[in-house]
Amino acid sequence: MKLALDRYAHLNSPIHRWEQRSKLVGLLALIFAFALVEDLVLLPGMVVVTLVLLGLSRLPLGFVLHRLRYPGLFIAAVVIFLPFVAGETVLWQWGWLTLRQEGCIAVIAIATRFICIITMSLILFGTAPFLTTIRALRSLGMPHTIVDMMLLSYRYIEEFGQTLTTMQRAMRLRGFQNNRLNRRNLDRLAGLAGSLLIRSYERSQRVYEAMILRGYGHLPSSRERVWLKQIRPQDAIALGLTLAIAATFILLEMMR
């Protein structure tokens, strides 16, 4: 279970060179603006802005598509029935199965917003080292506890994934066949989930105790505002342009 969001943080592109604090503010503003859009007329504009930023970032298309896969399956499972249950205008009917216009429009809007927001998030976190993003969040005033939880979650989710892989391999070596859905297999999978939860909790306790012993929570605050580049004029211009685009989407949505 490897996230590797910053796998391509070493690339040299305009988005990579954009100072991380201003990038966070600008792209998060765009993400919130995209989340508010409901007018279908604005959806092509969202797609164009997303594609332009993706092209400027030079992130490989395969990297983005691979990370859209599992969230895409989730959102597809959520909206798959909307065209058949939402709305009153009938587009097509076969017996009890009815395709409705309002449901189709809702699916298009939800899917477009989802893809644009996730792609924008990948651009935000994939064009700088994750530790740089954490430092930028701290510099912008996010509570230290939340920032530390983000860092630890990112760091140890791969550890838990490796533990899960080891446990699944041990079960297969003992004859477990996961292609059969029966009560016995469900009991074993429930035991696997419980064991992983207990191991994860115990691991988190050991990590926290080790951090306390090393002085966590008692470090001078002056050490928490270093290692960040100065905001250059081109960074401020990019931030202003991004905020203007986000404000335009919000205003157009409010005027519809």
Protein backbone atom coordinates (compact mmCIF):
# COMPACT_ATOMS: atom_id res chain seq x y z
CA MET A 1 0.00 0.00 0.00
CA LYS A 2 2.26 2.74 -1.26
CA LEU A 3 0.92 6.26 -1.60
CA ALA A 4 4.10 7.97 -2.84
CA LEU A 5 2.23 11.20 -3.51
CA ASP A 6 5.51 13.09 -3.86
CA ARG A 7 7.15 10.57 -6.19
CA TYR A 8 7.59 13.24 -8.86
CA ALA A 9 8.38 16.15 -6.54
CA HIS A 10 11.86 16.34 -8.11
CA LEU A 11 10.57 17.47 -11.52
CA ASN A 12 11.25 20.98 -12.77
CA SER A 13 8.04 22.72 -13.78
CA PRO A 14 6.33 26.05 -13.07
CA ILE A 15 4.07 24.34 -10.51
CA HIS A 16 7.05 22.67 -8.83
CA ARG A 17 8.83 26.02 -8.56
CA TRP A 18 5.76 27.71 -7.08
CA GLU A 19 6.35 28.45 -3.39
CA GLN A 20 4.41 25.91 -1.35
CA ARG A 21 2.50 28.27 0.97
CA SER A 22 1.08 30.34 -1.87
CA LYS A 23 0.45 27.14 -3.82
CA LEU A 24 -1.55 25.71 -0.91
CA VAL A 25 -3.70 28.82 -0.62
CA GLY A 26 -4.25 29.15 -4.37
CA LEU A 27 -5.04 25.53 -5.18
CA LEU A 28 -7.18 25.03 -2.07
CA ALA A 29 -9.19 28.07 -3.12
CA LEU A 30 -9.71 26.47 -6.52
CA ILE A 31 -10.73 23.18 -4.90
CA PHE A 32 -13.35 24.89 -2.75
CA ALA A 33 -14.60 26.86 -5.76
CA PHE A 34 -14.93 23.66 -7.79
CA ALA A 35 -16.86 22.03 -4.93
CA LEU A 36 -19.44 24.85 -5.05
CA VAL A 37 -20.06 24.65 -8.80
CA GLU A 38 -23.39 23.12 -9.83
CA ASP A 39 -24.09 24.87 -13.14
CA LEU A 40 -23.30 22.59 -16.08
CA VAL A 41 -22.12 25.59 -18.12
CA LEU A 42 -19.17 26.03 -15.72
CA LEU A 43 -18.02 22.41 -15.88
CA PRO A 44 -16.01 22.77 -19.14
CA GLY A 45 -14.19 25.72 -17.58
CA MET A 46 -13.29 23.58 -14.57
CA VAL A 47 -11.94 20.86 -16.85
CA VAL A 48 -9.87 23.37 -18.86
CA VAL A 49 -8.34 24.92 -15.73
CA THR A 50 -7.54 21.47 -14.34
CA LEU A 51 -5.92 20.29 -17.59
CA VAL A 52 -3.87 23.49 -17.88
CA LEU A 53 -2.50 23.11 -14.35
CA LEU A 54 -1.87 19.39 -14.90
CA GLY A 55 0.07 20.21 -18.07
CA LEU A 56 2.09 22.88 -16.28
CA SER A 57 2.91 20.45 -13.47
CA ARG A 58 4.31 17.85 -15.92
CA LEU A 59 3.05 15.02 -13.73
CA PRO A 60 2.77 11.77 -15.72
CA LEU A 61 -0.77 10.99 -16.79
CA GLY A 62 -0.38 7.40 -15.58
CA PHE A 63 0.47 8.65 -12.08
CA VAL A 64 -2.76 10.65 -11.95
CA LEU A 65 -4.96 7.94 -13.47
CA HIS A 66 -3.59 5.29 -11.10
CA ARG A 67 -4.52 7.39 -8.07
CA LEU A 68 -7.94 8.20 -9.49
CA ARG A 69 -8.77 4.51 -9.76
CA TYR A 70 -9.90 3.58 -6.23
CA PRO A 71 -11.63 6.91 -5.41
CA GLY A 72 -13.28 6.61 -8.83
CA LEU A 73 -14.68 3.19 -7.96
CA PHE A 74 -16.09 4.60 -4.73
CA ILE A 75 -17.80 7.57 -6.36
CA ALA A 76 -19.11 5.32 -9.15
CA ALA A 77 -20.72 3.06 -6.55
CA VAL A 78 -22.34 6.10 -4.94
CA VAL A 79 -23.84 7.68 -8.09
CA ILE A 80 -24.52 4.63 -10.25
CA PHE A 81 -28.24 4.55 -9.34
CA LEU A 82 -28.88 8.31 -9.57
CA PRO A 83 -29.95 8.30 -13.27
CA PHE A 84 -32.64 5.75 -12.44
CA VAL A 85 -34.08 7.22 -9.23
CA ALA A 86 -33.56 11.04 -9.33
CA GLY A 87 -35.75 13.39 -11.34
CA GLU A 88 -39.04 13.31 -13.22
CA THR A 89 -38.11 13.79 -16.90
CA VAL A 90 -37.96 10.36 -18.54
CA LEU A 91 -35.32 9.88 -21.26
CA TRP A 92 -35.67 6.14 -21.77
CA GLN A 93 -37.78 3.39 -20.26
CA TRP A 94 -37.78 -0.36 -20.46
CA GLY A 95 -40.29 -2.00 -18.19
CA TRP A 96 -39.62 -0.87 -14.62
CA LEU A 97 -36.18 0.50 -15.58
CA THR A 98 -36.37 4.25 -16.22
CA LEU A 99 -33.55 6.61 -17.18
CA ARG A 100 -34.18 10.17 -15.94
CA GLN A 101 -32.67 13.42 -17.20
CA GLU A 102 -32.12 15.07 -13.81
CA GLY A 103 -30.25 12.03 -12.53
CA CYS A 104 -27.95 11.98 -15.57
CA ILE A 105 -27.18 15.68 -15.11
CA ALA A 106 -26.40 15.09 -11.44
CA VAL A 107 -24.03 12.24 -12.31
CA ILE A 108 -22.20 14.41 -14.87
CA ALA A 109 -21.82 17.26 -12.37
CA ILE A 110 -20.67 15.03 -9.50
CA ALA A 111 -18.20 13.06 -11.63
CA THR A 112 -16.68 16.19 -13.19
CA ARG A 113 -16.28 17.94 -9.84
CA PHE A 114 -14.81 14.79 -8.33
CA ILE A 115 -12.21 14.29 -11.06
CA CYS A 116 -11.20 17.96 -11.07
CA ILE A 117 -10.89 18.15 -7.28
CA ILE A 118 -8.89 14.93 -6.94
CA THR A 119 -6.60 15.93 -9.83
CA MET A 120 -6.06 19.35 -8.25
CA SER A 121 -5.20 17.65 -4.95
CA LEU A 122 -2.68 15.43 -6.69
CA ILE A 123 -1.11 18.50 -8.29
CA LEU A 124 -0.94 20.19 -4.89
CA PHE A 125 0.66 17.30 -3.01
CA GLY A 126 2.57 15.77 -5.91
CA THR A 127 4.67 18.78 -6.90
CA ALA A 128 6.52 19.23 -3.61
CA PRO A 129 8.00 16.89 -0.97
CA PHE A 130 5.39 15.96 1.59
CA LEU A 131 7.56 17.32 4.41
CA THR A 132 7.66 20.71 2.65
CA THR A 133 3.86 20.68 2.51
CA ILE A 134 3.71 19.89 6.23
CA ARG A 135 6.03 22.80 7.01
CA ALA A 136 3.94 25.11 4.83
CA LEU A 137 0.79 24.09 6.70
CA ARG A 138 2.47 24.85 10.00
CA SER A 139 3.65 28.20 8.71
CA LEU A 140 0.09 29.07 7.64
CA GLY A 141 -1.15 28.52 11.18
CA MET A 142 -2.71 25.06 11.07
CA PRO A 143 -2.77 23.52 14.59
CA HIS A 144 0.37 21.51 15.22
CA THR A 145 -1.54 18.48 16.46
CA ILE A 146 -3.45 18.15 13.18
CA VAL A 147 -0.29 18.65 11.12
CA ASP A 148 1.58 16.03 13.15
CA MET A 149 -1.31 13.59 12.73
CA MET A 150 -1.18 14.10 8.95
CA LEU A 151 2.56 13.45 8.89
CA LEU A 152 2.34 10.34 11.07
CA SER A 153 -0.64 8.98 9.11
CA TYR A 154 1.21 9.41 5.83
CA ARG A 155 4.34 7.85 7.30
CA TYR A 156 2.77 4.79 8.88
CA ILE A 157 -0.01 3.90 6.47
CA GLU A 158 2.59 2.07 4.37
CA GLU A 159 3.79 0.27 7.50
CA PHE A 160 0.26 -0.91 8.21
CA GLY A 161 -0.15 -1.91 4.58
CA GLN A 162 3.02 -4.00 4.79
CA THR A 163 1.73 -5.62 7.99
CA LEU A 164 -1.55 -6.47 6.24
CA THR A 165 0.33 -7.99 3.30
CA THR A 166 2.43 -10.14 5.66
CA MET A 167 -0.64 -11.37 7.53
CA GLN A 168 -2.49 -12.19 4.29
CA ARG A 169 0.54 -14.13 3.02
CA ALA A 170 0.69 -16.09 6.29
CA MET A 171 -3.01 -16.97 5.98
CA ARG A 172 -2.56 -18.19 2.39
CA LEU A 173 0.37 -20.37 3.46
CA ARG A 174 -1.93 -21.95 6.03
CA GLY A 175 -4.47 -22.84 3.36
CA PHE A 176 -6.80 -19.85 3.43
CA GLN A 177 -8.66 -19.38 0.13
CA ASN A 178 -10.12 -15.90 -0.22
CA ASN A 179 -12.05 -16.74 -3.40
CA ARG A 180 -14.75 -18.51 -1.40
CA LEU A 181 -17.42 -16.49 0.37
CA ASN A 182 -18.65 -18.51 3.34
CA ARG A 183 -19.05 -18.14 7.10
CA ARG A 184 -15.66 -19.65 7.87
CA ASN A 185 -13.81 -17.25 5.58
CA LEU A 186 -15.80 -14.30 6.90
CA ASP A 187 -14.79 -15.24 10.46
CA ARG A 188 -11.15 -15.39 9.44
CA LEU A 189 -11.33 -12.04 7.63
CA ALA A 190 -12.98 -10.50 10.68
CA GLY A 191 -10.17 -11.88 12.83
CA LEU A 192 -7.63 -10.44 10.40
CA ALA A 193 -9.25 -7.00 10.59
CA GLY A 194 -9.37 -7.14 14.40
CA SER A 195 -5.76 -8.25 14.67
CA LEU A 196 -4.63 -5.49 12.32
CA LEU A 197 -6.59 -2.92 14.33
CA ILE A 198 -5.03 -4.07 17.62
CA ARG A 199 -1.52 -4.13 16.15
CA SER A 200 -2.01 -0.66 14.69
CA TYR A 201 -3.21 0.69 18.02
CA GLU A 202 -0.30 -0.86 19.90
CA ARG A 203 2.13 0.50 17.31
CA SER A 204 0.67 3.99 17.65
CA GLN A 205 1.05 3.82 21.43
CA ARG A 206 4.72 2.85 21.15
CA VAL A 207 5.38 5.62 18.63
CA TYR A 208 3.69 8.21 20.84
CA GLU A 209 5.63 7.13 23.92
CA ALA A 210 8.88 7.28 21.95
CA MET A 211 8.01 10.80 20.77
CA ILE A 212 7.27 11.94 24.34
CA LEU A 213 10.62 10.57 25.53
CA ARG A 214 12.34 12.57 22.77
CA GLY A 215 10.72 15.84 23.86
CA TYR A 216 7.63 16.01 21.65
CA GLY A 217 5.44 18.94 22.65
CA HIS A 218 8.21 20.78 24.49
CA LEU A 219 10.34 22.07 21.61
CA PRO A 220 10.87 25.82 21.18
CA SER A 221 8.33 27.39 18.82
CA SER A 222 11.06 29.24 16.93
CA ARG A 223 12.25 25.97 15.42
CA GLU A 224 8.89 25.42 13.72
CA ARG A 225 9.11 28.36 11.29
CA VAL A 226 12.23 27.54 9.33
CA TRP A 227 13.23 25.80 6.09
CA LEU A 228 10.67 27.63 3.90
CA LYS A 229 11.58 29.72 0.87
CA GLN A 230 10.65 33.36 0.62
CA ILE A 231 7.60 34.21 -1.49
CA ARG A 232 8.84 35.74 -4.75
CA PRO A 233 6.95 38.22 -6.95
CA GLN A 234 6.11 35.49 -9.48
CA ASP A 235 4.69 33.36 -6.64
CA ALA A 236 2.44 36.23 -5.56
CA ILE A 237 1.31 36.80 -9.16
CA ALA A 238 0.46 33.10 -9.56
CA LEU A 239 -1.45 33.19 -6.26
CA GLY A 240 -3.40 36.28 -7.31
CA LEU A 241 -4.28 34.75 -10.68
CA THR A 242 -5.43 31.51 -9.06
CA LEU A 243 -7.56 33.36 -6.49
CA ALA A 244 -9.09 35.43 -9.28
CA ILE A 245 -10.05 32.27 -11.19
CA ALA A 246 -11.56 30.74 -8.04
CA ALA A 247 -13.51 33.94 -7.32
CA THR A 248 -14.78 33.99 -10.91
CA PHE A 249 -16.19 30.48 -10.60
CA ILE A 250 -17.90 31.38 -7.32
CA LEU A 251 -19.38 34.61 -8.71
CA LEU A 252 -20.66 32.92 -11.85
CA GLU A 253 -22.23 30.19 -9.78
CA MET A 254 -23.95 32.75 -7.53
CA MET A 255 -25.25 34.68 -10.55
CA ARG A 256 -26.85 31.75 -12.33
